[in-house]
Amino acid sequence: MSHVRFILDVTVKPGHEDDLLSAYAKLRERVAEQPGLVGHQLCQAIDDPSHWQVTSEWESLEASAAWDQSDEHRALIGPMRACFERASNTKLRVRAGTGS
């Protein structure tokens, strides 16, 4: 079974960058302990500081779904969503690559 990657592409409301970083720090503490997580990142565009991405890679769709559907995830993602002006997500199956 191949890994899956999720990309949440967002525009952050002006002045909410620090709020997003703080909310993500709380999420990061808990998501790191989730079974099946390969990696999780929050990235900010170099040429457009309002454009951010949250990416995660999981060993399986089932492992990701278990976290996404948990009450804890819903509670932790809420403060992040409050910072979003716009958001869209993409789900990908990893087909080839290098590294871990």
PDB file of N, CA and C in Angstrom:
ATOM      1  N   MET A   1       0.844  -1.184   0.000  1.00  0.00           N
ATOM      2  CA  MET A   1       0.000   0.000   0.000  1.00  0.00           C
ATOM      3  C   MET A   1       0.888   1.246   0.000  1.00  0.00           C
ATOM      4  N   SER A   2       0.540   2.238  -0.797  1.00  0.00           N
ATOM      5  CA  SER A   2       1.365   3.445  -0.896  1.00  0.00           C
ATOM      6  C   SER A   2       0.905   4.508   0.097  1.00  0.00           C
ATOM      7  N   HIS A   3       1.820   5.386   0.407  1.00  0.00           N
ATOM      8  CA  HIS A   3       1.507   6.498   1.301  1.00  0.00           C
ATOM      9  C   HIS A   3       0.517   7.449   0.641  1.00  0.00           C
ATOM     10  N   VAL A   4      -0.124   8.274   1.466  1.00  0.00           N
ATOM     11  CA  VAL A   4      -1.004   9.321   0.958  1.00  0.00           C
ATOM     12  C   VAL A   4      -0.521  10.661   1.498  1.00  0.00           C
ATOM     13  N   ARG A   5      -0.700  11.705   0.700  1.00  0.00           N
ATOM     14  CA  ARG A   5      -0.298  13.054   1.090  1.00  0.00           C
ATOM     15  C   ARG A   5      -1.502  13.973   0.959  1.00  0.00           C
ATOM     16  N   PHE A   6      -1.627  14.861   1.914  1.00  0.00           N
ATOM     17  CA  PHE A   6      -2.705  15.842   1.912  1.00  0.00           C
ATOM     18  C   PHE A   6      -2.096  17.230   1.925  1.00  0.00           C
ATOM     19  N   ILE A   7      -2.649  18.096   1.097  1.00  0.00           N
ATOM     20  CA  ILE A   7      -2.179  19.476   1.018  1.00  0.00           C
ATOM     21  C   ILE A   7      -3.376  20.389   1.255  1.00  0.00           C
ATOM     22  N   LEU A   8      -3.285  21.184   2.298  1.00  0.00           N
ATOM     23  CA  LEU A   8      -4.285  22.207   2.580  1.00  0.00           C
ATOM     24  C   LEU A   8      -3.661  23.533   2.173  1.00  0.00           C
ATOM     25  N   ASP A   9      -4.207  24.146   1.149  1.00  0.00           N
ATOM     26  CA  ASP A   9      -3.681  25.375   0.572  1.00  0.00           C
ATOM     27  C   ASP A   9      -4.558  26.523   1.069  1.00  0.00           C
ATOM     28  N   VAL A  10      -3.967  27.489   1.773  1.00  0.00           N
ATOM     29  CA  VAL A  10      -4.783  28.530   2.403  1.00  0.00           C
ATOM     30  C   VAL A  10      -4.230  29.930   2.154  1.00  0.00           C
ATOM     31  N   THR A  11      -5.143  30.879   2.225  1.00  0.00           N
ATOM     32  CA  THR A  11      -4.795  32.284   2.331  1.00  0.00           C
ATOM     33  C   THR A  11      -5.141  32.685   3.753  1.00  0.00           C
ATOM     34  N   VAL A  12      -4.171  33.241   4.458  1.00  0.00           N
ATOM     35  CA  VAL A  12      -4.360  33.632   5.850  1.00  0.00           C
ATOM     36  C   VAL A  12      -4.870  35.067   5.908  1.00  0.00           C
ATOM     37  N   LYS A  13      -5.841  35.287   6.787  1.00  0.00           N
ATOM     38  CA  LYS A  13      -6.375  36.634   6.985  1.00  0.00           C
ATOM     39  C   LYS A  13      -5.243  37.568   7.422  1.00  0.00           C
ATOM     40  N   PRO A  14      -5.224  38.797   6.928  1.00  0.00           N
ATOM     41  CA  PRO A  14      -4.192  39.744   7.337  1.00  0.00           C
ATOM     42  C   PRO A  14      -4.133  39.870   8.871  1.00  0.00           C
ATOM     43  N   GLY A  15      -2.928  39.829   9.395  1.00  0.00           N
ATOM     44  CA  GLY A  15      -2.729  39.985  10.834  1.00  0.00           C
ATOM     45  C   GLY A  15      -2.934  38.727  11.648  1.00  0.00           C
ATOM     46  N   HIS A  16      -3.225  37.585  11.016  1.00  0.00           N
ATOM     47  CA  HIS A  16      -3.483  36.340  11.747  1.00  0.00           C
ATOM     48  C   HIS A  16      -2.340  35.323  11.649  1.00  0.00           C
ATOM     49  N   GLU A  17      -1.197  35.745  11.145  1.00  0.00           N
ATOM     50  CA  GLU A  17      -0.077  34.830  10.973  1.00  0.00           C
ATOM     51  C   GLU A  17       0.404  34.245  12.310  1.00  0.00           C
ATOM     52  N   ASP A  18       0.550  35.091  13.320  1.00  0.00           N
ATOM     53  CA  ASP A  18       0.996  34.596  14.627  1.00  0.00           C
ATOM     54  C   ASP A  18      -0.041  33.682  15.262  1.00  0.00           C
ATOM     55  N   ASP A  19      -1.326  33.979  15.057  1.00  0.00           N
ATOM     56  CA  ASP A  19      -2.391  33.110  15.565  1.00  0.00           C
ATOM     57  C   ASP A  19      -2.306  31.736  14.915  1.00  0.00           C
ATOM     58  N   LEU A  20      -2.045  31.720  13.618  1.00  0.00           N
ATOM     59  CA  LEU A  20      -1.916  30.452  12.911  1.00  0.00           C
ATOM     60  C   LEU A  20      -0.725  29.661  13.436  1.00  0.00           C
ATOM     61  N   LEU A  21       0.399  30.314  13.604  1.00  0.00           N
ATOM     62  CA  LEU A  21       1.588  29.629  14.120  1.00  0.00           C
ATOM     63  C   LEU A  21       1.342  29.045  15.509  1.00  0.00           C
ATOM     64  N   SER A  22       0.658  29.793  16.346  1.00  0.00           N
ATOM     65  CA  SER A  22       0.349  29.320  17.695  1.00  0.00           C
ATOM     66  C   SER A  22      -0.602  28.126  17.661  1.00  0.00           C
ATOM     67  N   ALA A  23      -1.637  28.216  16.842  1.00  0.00           N
ATOM     68  CA  ALA A  23      -2.599  27.113  16.732  1.00  0.00           C
ATOM     69  C   ALA A  23      -1.925  25.873  16.150  1.00  0.00           C
ATOM     70  N   TYR A  24      -1.052  26.066  15.159  1.00  0.00           N
ATOM     71  CA  TYR A  24      -0.366  24.927  14.556  1.00  0.00           C
ATOM     72  C   TYR A  24       0.575  24.261  15.567  1.00  0.00           C
ATOM     73  N   ALA A  25       1.221  25.036  16.418  1.00  0.00           N
ATOM     74  CA  ALA A  25       2.124  24.462  17.421  1.00  0.00           C
ATOM     75  C   ALA A  25       1.375  23.479  18.321  1.00  0.00           C
ATOM     76  N   LYS A  26       0.157  23.807  18.686  1.00  0.00           N
ATOM     77  CA  LYS A  26      -0.653  22.910  19.522  1.00  0.00           C
ATOM     78  C   LYS A  26      -1.047  21.659  18.751  1.00  0.00           C
ATOM     79  N   LEU A  27      -1.426  21.827  17.493  1.00  0.00           N
ATOM     80  CA  LEU A  27      -1.775  20.682  16.659  1.00  0.00           C
ATOM     81  C   LEU A  27      -0.557  19.782  16.454  1.00  0.00           C
ATOM     82  N   ARG A  28       0.591  20.387  16.166  1.00  0.00           N
ATOM     83  CA  ARG A  28       1.822  19.635  15.889  1.00  0.00           C
ATOM     84  C   ARG A  28       2.194  18.719  17.056  1.00  0.00           C
ATOM     85  N   GLU A  29       2.019  19.196  18.281  1.00  0.00           N
ATOM     86  CA  GLU A  29       2.338  18.374  19.457  1.00  0.00           C
ATOM     87  C   GLU A  29       1.556  17.075  19.458  1.00  0.00           C
ATOM     88  N   ARG A  30       0.289  17.155  19.118  1.00  0.00           N
ATOM     89  CA  ARG A  30      -0.583  15.981  19.177  1.00  0.00           C
ATOM     90  C   ARG A  30      -0.507  15.118  17.921  1.00  0.00           C
ATOM     91  N   VAL A  31      -0.400  15.730  16.758  1.00  0.00           N
ATOM     92  CA  VAL A  31      -0.380  14.935  15.531  1.00  0.00           C
ATOM     93  C   VAL A  31       0.882  14.090  15.454  1.00  0.00           C
ATOM     94  N   ALA A  32       1.962  14.561  16.034  1.00  0.00           N
ATOM     95  CA  ALA A  32       3.220  13.816  15.992  1.00  0.00           C
ATOM     96  C   ALA A  32       3.095  12.444  16.653  1.00  0.00           C
ATOM     97  N   GLU A  33       2.137  12.285  17.540  1.00  0.00           N
ATOM     98  CA  GLU A  33       1.947  11.029  18.264  1.00  0.00           C
ATOM     99  C   GLU A  33       0.993  10.072  17.547  1.00  0.00           C
ATOM    100  N   GLN A  34       0.449  10.470  16.411  1.00  0.00           N
ATOM    101  CA  GLN A  34      -0.569   9.660  15.749  1.00  0.00           C
ATOM    102  C   GLN A  34       0.048   8.498  14.971  1.00  0.00           C
ATOM    103  N   PRO A  35      -0.511   7.308  15.140  1.00  0.00           N
ATOM    104  CA  PRO A  35      -0.021   6.150  14.399  1.00  0.00           C
ATOM    105  C   PRO A  35      -0.175   6.364  12.894  1.00  0.00           C
ATOM    106  N   GLY A  36       0.854   6.029  12.161  1.00  0.00           N
ATOM    107  CA  GLY A  36       0.805   6.114  10.706  1.00  0.00           C
ATOM    108  C   GLY A  36       1.259   7.426  10.115  1.00  0.00           C
ATOM    109  N   LEU A  37       1.548   8.427  10.954  1.00  0.00           N
ATOM    110  CA  LEU A  37       2.013   9.709  10.430  1.00  0.00           C
ATOM    111  C   LEU A  37       3.460   9.589   9.975  1.00  0.00           C
ATOM    112  N   VAL A  38       3.722  10.020   8.748  1.00  0.00           N
ATOM    113  CA  VAL A  38       5.081  10.039   8.212  1.00  0.00           C
ATOM    114  C   VAL A  38       5.686  11.425   8.400  1.00  0.00           C
ATOM    115  N   GLY A  39       4.914  12.475   8.131  1.00  0.00           N
ATOM    116  CA  GLY A  39       5.410  13.838   8.283  1.00  0.00           C
ATOM    117  C   GLY A  39       4.278  14.846   8.214  1.00  0.00           C
ATOM    118  N   HIS A  40       4.497  16.007   8.810  1.00  0.00           N
ATOM    119  CA  HIS A  40       3.481  17.066   8.861  1.00  0.00           C
ATOM    120  C   HIS A  40       4.220  18.394   8.869  1.00  0.00           C
ATOM    121  N   GLN A  41       3.805  19.331   8.006  1.00  0.00           N
ATOM    122  CA  GLN A  41       4.506  20.615   7.925  1.00  0.00           C
ATOM    123  C   GLN A  41       3.529  21.760   7.706  1.00  0.00           C
ATOM    124  N   LEU A  42       3.920  22.921   8.189  1.00  0.00           N
ATOM    125  CA  LEU A  42       3.260  24.188   7.892  1.00  0.00           C
ATOM    126  C   LEU A  42       4.281  25.032   7.142  1.00  0.00           C
ATOM    127  N   CYS A  43       3.914  25.477   5.928  1.00  0.00           N
ATOM    128  CA  CYS A  43       4.841  26.224   5.082  1.00  0.00           C
ATOM    129  C   CYS A  43       4.216  27.551   4.658  1.00  0.00           C
ATOM    130  N   GLN A  44       5.053  28.583   4.538  1.00  0.00           N
ATOM    131  CA  GLN A  44       4.613  29.904   4.088  1.00  0.00           C
ATOM    132  C   GLN A  44       5.331  30.231   2.778  1.00  0.00           C
ATOM    133  N   ALA A  45       4.567  30.730   1.811  1.00  0.00           N
ATOM    134  CA  ALA A  45       5.144  31.080   0.513  1.00  0.00           C
ATOM    135  C   ALA A  45       6.152  32.218   0.667  1.00  0.00           C
ATOM    136  N   ILE A  46       7.250  32.107  -0.037  1.00  0.00           N
ATOM    137  CA  ILE A  46       8.298  33.120   0.014  1.00  0.00           C
ATOM    138  C   ILE A  46       7.859  34.400  -0.683  1.00  0.00           C
ATOM    139  N   ASP A  47       7.169  34.271  -1.806  1.00  0.00           N
ATOM    140  CA  ASP A  47       6.792  35.451  -2.591  1.00  0.00           C
ATOM    141  C   ASP A  47       5.404  36.007  -2.274  1.00  0.00           C
ATOM    142  N   ASP A  48       4.645  35.338  -1.401  1.00  0.00           N
ATOM    143  CA  ASP A  48       3.319  35.811  -1.004  1.00  0.00           C
ATOM    144  C   ASP A  48       3.070  35.382   0.437  1.00  0.00           C
ATOM    145  N   PRO A  49       3.404  36.218   1.423  1.00  0.00           N
ATOM    146  CA  PRO A  49       3.323  35.831   2.831  1.00  0.00           C
ATOM    147  C   PRO A  49       1.926  35.454   3.325  1.00  0.00           C
ATOM    148  N   SER A  50       0.888  35.760   2.553  1.00  0.00           N
ATOM    149  CA  SER A  50      -0.456  35.366   2.971  1.00  0.00           C
ATOM    150  C   SER A  50      -0.813  33.949   2.511  1.00  0.00           C
ATOM    151  N   HIS A  51       0.036  33.353   1.663  1.00  0.00           N
ATOM    152  CA  HIS A  51      -0.214  32.023   1.119  1.00  0.00           C
ATOM    153  C   HIS A  51       0.550  30.978   1.936  1.00  0.00           C
ATOM    154  N   TRP A  52      -0.186  30.040   2.495  1.00  0.00           N
ATOM    155  CA  TRP A  52       0.393  29.001   3.348  1.00  0.00           C
ATOM    156  C   TRP A  52      -0.092  27.634   2.878  1.00  0.00           C
ATOM    157  N   GLN A  53       0.644  26.589   3.263  1.00  0.00           N
ATOM    158  CA  GLN A  53       0.213  25.218   3.030  1.00  0.00           C
ATOM    159  C   GLN A  53       0.478  24.385   4.280  1.00  0.00           C
ATOM    160  N   VAL A  54      -0.477  23.536   4.574  1.00  0.00           N
ATOM    161  CA  VAL A  54      -0.292  22.503   5.583  1.00  0.00           C
ATOM    162  C   VAL A  54      -0.220  21.199   4.801  1.00  0.00           C
ATOM    163  N   THR A  55       0.867  20.462   4.973  1.00  0.00           N
ATOM    164  CA  THR A  55       1.006  19.191   4.280  1.00  0.00           C
ATOM    165  C   THR A  55       1.188  18.079   5.304  1.00  0.00           C
ATOM    166  N   SER A  56       0.618  16.936   4.984  1.00  0.00           N
ATOM    167  CA  SER A  56       0.847  15.761   5.827  1.00  0.00           C
ATOM    168  C   SER A  56       0.979  14.550   4.936  1.00  0.00           C
ATOM    169  N   GLU A  57       1.796  13.614   5.386  1.00  0.00           N
ATOM    170  CA  GLU A  57       1.946  12.349   4.686  1.00  0.00           C
ATOM    171  C   GLU A  57       1.703  11.235   5.692  1.00  0.00           C
ATOM    172  N   TRP A  58       0.928  10.255   5.255  1.00  0.00           N
ATOM    173  CA  TRP A  58       0.493   9.161   6.112  1.00  0.00           C
ATOM    174  C   TRP A  58       0.812   7.830   5.454  1.00  0.00           C
ATOM    175  N   GLU A  59       1.001   6.814   6.268  1.00  0.00           N
ATOM    176  CA  GLU A  59       1.247   5.472   5.755  1.00  0.00           C
ATOM    177  C   GLU A  59       0.037   4.931   4.997  1.00  0.00           C
ATOM    178  N   SER A  60      -1.161   5.381   5.375  1.00  0.00           N
ATOM    179  CA  SER A  60      -2.369   4.881   4.722  1.00  0.00           C
ATOM    180  C   SER A  60      -3.497   5.897   4.854  1.00  0.00           C
ATOM    181  N   LEU A  61      -4.473   5.764   3.991  1.00  0.00           N
ATOM    182  CA  LEU A  61      -5.664   6.595   4.063  1.00  0.00           C
ATOM    183  C   LEU A  61      -6.405   6.348   5.373  1.00  0.00           C
ATOM    184  N   GLU A  62      -6.404   5.118   5.839  1.00  0.00           N
ATOM    185  CA  GLU A  62      -7.093   4.764   7.083  1.00  0.00           C
ATOM    186  C   GLU A  62      -6.460   5.453   8.293  1.00  0.00           C
ATOM    187  N   ALA A  63      -5.130   5.513   8.329  1.00  0.00           N
ATOM    188  CA  ALA A  63      -4.443   6.175   9.449  1.00  0.00           C
ATOM    189  C   ALA A  63      -4.787   7.663   9.474  1.00  0.00           C
ATOM    190  N   SER A  64      -4.802   8.290   8.310  1.00  0.00           N
ATOM    191  CA  SER A  64      -5.158   9.702   8.230  1.00  0.00           C
ATOM    192  C   SER A  64      -6.603   9.928   8.646  1.00  0.00           C
ATOM    193  N   ALA A  65      -7.486   9.082   8.159  1.00  0.00           N
ATOM    194  CA  ALA A  65      -8.912   9.239   8.466  1.00  0.00           C
ATOM    195  C   ALA A  65      -9.174   9.091   9.959  1.00  0.00           C
ATOM    196  N   ALA A  66      -8.471   8.182  10.614  1.00  0.00           N
ATOM    197  CA  ALA A  66      -8.658   8.003  12.059  1.00  0.00           C
ATOM    198  C   ALA A  66      -8.355   9.297  12.810  1.00  0.00           C
ATOM    199  N   TRP A  67      -7.293   9.988  12.422  1.00  0.00           N
ATOM    200  CA  TRP A  67      -6.941  11.266  13.049  1.00  0.00           C
ATOM    201  C   TRP A  67      -7.928  12.357  12.652  1.00  0.00           C
ATOM    202  N   ASP A  68      -8.209  12.463  11.353  1.00  0.00           N
ATOM    203  CA  ASP A  68      -9.094  13.524  10.860  1.00  0.00           C
ATOM    204  C   ASP A  68     -10.487  13.463  11.467  1.00  0.00           C
ATOM    205  N   GLN A  69     -10.960  12.282  11.785  1.00  0.00           N
ATOM    206  CA  GLN A  69     -12.310  12.111  12.300  1.00  0.00           C
ATOM    207  C   GLN A  69     -12.388  12.146  13.819  1.00  0.00           C
ATOM    208  N   SER A  70     -11.254  12.356  14.461  1.00  0.00           N
ATOM    209  CA  SER A  70     -11.236  12.372  15.928  1.00  0.00           C
ATOM    210  C   SER A  70     -11.722  13.716  16.477  1.00  0.00           C
ATOM    211  N   ASP A  71     -12.298  13.673  17.661  1.00  0.00           N
ATOM    212  CA  ASP A  71     -12.729  14.895  18.339  1.00  0.00           C
ATOM    213  C   ASP A  71     -11.540  15.805  18.625  1.00  0.00           C
ATOM    214  N   GLU A  72     -10.409  15.202  18.960  1.00  0.00           N
ATOM    215  CA  GLU A  72      -9.213  15.994  19.256  1.00  0.00           C
ATOM    216  C   GLU A  72      -8.773  16.792  18.027  1.00  0.00           C
ATOM    217  N   HIS A  73      -8.770  16.163  16.858  1.00  0.00           N
ATOM    218  CA  HIS A  73      -8.396  16.867  15.634  1.00  0.00           C
ATOM    219  C   HIS A  73      -9.349  18.027  15.373  1.00  0.00           C
ATOM    220  N   ARG A  74     -10.633  17.782  15.489  1.00  0.00           N
ATOM    221  CA  ARG A  74     -11.619  18.856  15.268  1.00  0.00           C
ATOM    222  C   ARG A  74     -11.381  20.033  16.212  1.00  0.00           C
ATOM    223  N   ALA A  75     -11.077  19.742  17.464  1.00  0.00           N
ATOM    224  CA  ALA A  75     -10.833  20.811  18.440  1.00  0.00           C
ATOM    225  C   ALA A  75      -9.565  21.591  18.110  1.00  0.00           C
ATOM    226  N   LEU A  76      -8.535  20.911  17.635  1.00  0.00           N
ATOM    227  CA  LEU A  76      -7.261  21.569  17.346  1.00  0.00           C
ATOM    228  C   LEU A  76      -7.269  22.321  16.022  1.00  0.00           C
ATOM    229  N   ILE A  77      -8.024  21.846  15.048  1.00  0.00           N
ATOM    230  CA  ILE A  77      -8.030  22.496  13.737  1.00  0.00           C
ATOM    231  C   ILE A  77      -8.911  23.744  13.733  1.00  0.00           C
ATOM    232  N   GLY A  78      -9.880  23.816  14.630  1.00  0.00           N
ATOM    233  CA  GLY A  78     -10.790  24.972  14.688  1.00  0.00           C
ATOM    234  C   GLY A  78     -10.076  26.310  14.787  1.00  0.00           C
ATOM    235  N   PRO A  79      -9.130  26.475  15.724  1.00  0.00           N
ATOM    236  CA  PRO A  79      -8.412  27.750  15.822  1.00  0.00           C
ATOM    237  C   PRO A  79      -7.583  28.070  14.576  1.00  0.00           C
ATOM    238  N   MET A  80      -7.112  27.046  13.891  1.00  0.00           N
ATOM    239  CA  MET A  80      -6.383  27.286  12.644  1.00  0.00           C
ATOM    240  C   MET A  80      -7.343  27.797  11.580  1.00  0.00           C
ATOM    241  N   ARG A  81      -8.481  27.140  11.445  1.00  0.00           N
ATOM    242  CA  ARG A  81      -9.470  27.545  10.433  1.00  0.00           C
ATOM    243  C   ARG A  81      -9.929  28.982  10.637  1.00  0.00           C
ATOM    244  N   ALA A  82      -9.966  29.437  11.871  1.00  0.00           N
ATOM    245  CA  ALA A  82     -10.376  30.814  12.148  1.00  0.00           C
ATOM    246  C   ALA A  82      -9.415  31.823  11.522  1.00  0.00           C
ATOM    247  N   CYS A  83      -8.220  31.385  11.178  1.00  0.00           N
ATOM    248  CA  CYS A  83      -7.214  32.254  10.574  1.00  0.00           C
ATOM    249  C   CYS A  83      -7.299  32.277   9.047  1.00  0.00           C
ATOM    250  N   PHE A  84      -8.094  31.393   8.461  1.00  0.00           N
ATOM    251  CA  PHE A  84      -8.134  31.239   7.008  1.00  0.00           C
ATOM    252  C   PHE A  84      -9.125  32.188   6.364  1.00  0.00           C
ATOM    253  N   GLU A  85      -8.676  32.868   5.342  1.00  0.00           N
ATOM    254  CA  GLU A  85      -9.559  33.663   4.495  1.00  0.00           C
ATOM    255  C   GLU A  85     -10.144  32.771   3.395  1.00  0.00           C
ATOM    256  N   ARG A  86      -9.320  31.831   2.937  1.00  0.00           N
ATOM    257  CA  ARG A  86      -9.696  30.892   1.885  1.00  0.00           C
ATOM    258  C   ARG A  86      -8.904  29.613   2.104  1.00  0.00           C
ATOM    259  N   ALA A  87      -9.529  28.479   1.785  1.00  0.00           N
ATOM    260  CA  ALA A  87      -8.826  27.205   1.927  1.00  0.00           C
ATOM    261  C   ALA A  87      -9.340  26.203   0.902  1.00  0.00           C
ATOM    262  N   SER A  88      -8.417  25.377   0.409  1.00  0.00           N
ATOM    263  CA  SER A  88      -8.779  24.261  -0.461  1.00  0.00           C
ATOM    264  C   SER A  88      -7.838  23.112  -0.142  1.00  0.00           C
ATOM    265  N   ASN A  89      -8.307  21.888  -0.384  1.00  0.00           N
ATOM    266  CA  ASN A  89      -7.432  20.771  -0.076  1.00  0.00           C
ATOM    267  C   ASN A  89      -7.333  19.813  -1.251  1.00  0.00           C
ATOM    268  N   THR A  90      -6.222  19.105  -1.261  1.00  0.00           N
ATOM    269  CA  THR A  90      -5.932  18.115  -2.288  1.00  0.00           C
ATOM    270  C   THR A  90      -5.457  16.849  -1.594  1.00  0.00           C
ATOM    271  N   LYS A  91      -5.970  15.712  -2.055  1.00  0.00           N
ATOM    272  CA  LYS A  91      -5.555  14.412  -1.533  1.00  0.00           C
ATOM    273  C   LYS A  91      -4.807  13.683  -2.647  1.00  0.00           C
ATOM    274  N   LEU A  92      -3.623  13.176  -2.312  1.00  0.00           N
ATOM    275  CA  LEU A  92      -2.763  12.538  -3.307  1.00  0.00           C
ATOM    276  C   LEU A  92      -2.298  11.175  -2.821  1.00  0.00           C
ATOM    277  N   ARG A  93      -2.147  10.237  -3.734  1.00  0.00           N
ATOM    278  CA  ARG A  93      -1.504   8.966  -3.440  1.00  0.00           C
ATOM    279  C   ARG A  93      -0.069   9.084  -3.940  1.00  0.00           C
ATOM    280  N   VAL A  94       0.899   8.833  -3.081  1.00  0.00           N
ATOM    281  CA  VAL A  94       2.310   8.914  -3.454  1.00  0.00           C
ATOM    282  C   VAL A  94       2.628   7.719  -4.349  1.00  0.00           C
ATOM    283  N   ARG A  95       3.106   7.982  -5.539  1.00  0.00           N
ATOM    284  CA  ARG A  95       3.387   6.931  -6.516  1.00  0.00           C
ATOM    285  C   ARG A  95       4.868   6.635  -6.681  1.00  0.00           C
ATOM    286  N   ALA A  96       5.723   7.622  -6.466  1.00  0.00           N
ATOM    287  CA  ALA A  96       7.162   7.425  -6.614  1.00  0.00           C
ATOM    288  C   ALA A  96       7.863   8.565  -5.907  1.00  0.00           C
ATOM    289  N   GLY A  97       9.126   8.365  -5.547  1.00  0.00           N
ATOM    290  CA  GLY A  97       9.890   9.431  -4.906  1.00  0.00           C
ATOM    291  C   GLY A  97      11.182   8.914  -4.316  1.00  0.00           C
ATOM    292  N   THR A  98      11.853   9.782  -3.592  1.00  0.00           N
ATOM    293  CA  THR A  98      13.083   9.436  -2.893  1.00  0.00           C
ATOM    294  C   THR A  98      12.942   9.843  -1.441  1.00  0.00           C
ATOM    295  N   GLY A  99      13.828   9.385  -0.590  1.00  0.00           N
ATOM    296  CA  GLY A  99      13.799   9.753   0.816  1.00  0.00           C
ATOM    297  C   GLY A  99      12.818   8.904   1.588  1.00  0.00           C
ATOM    298  N   SER A 100      12.636   9.283   2.843  1.00  0.00           N
ATOM    299  CA  SER A 100      11.744   8.498   3.699  1.00  0.00           C
ATOM    300  C   SER A 100      10.315   8.923   3.571  1.00  0.00           C
TER     301      SER A 100
END
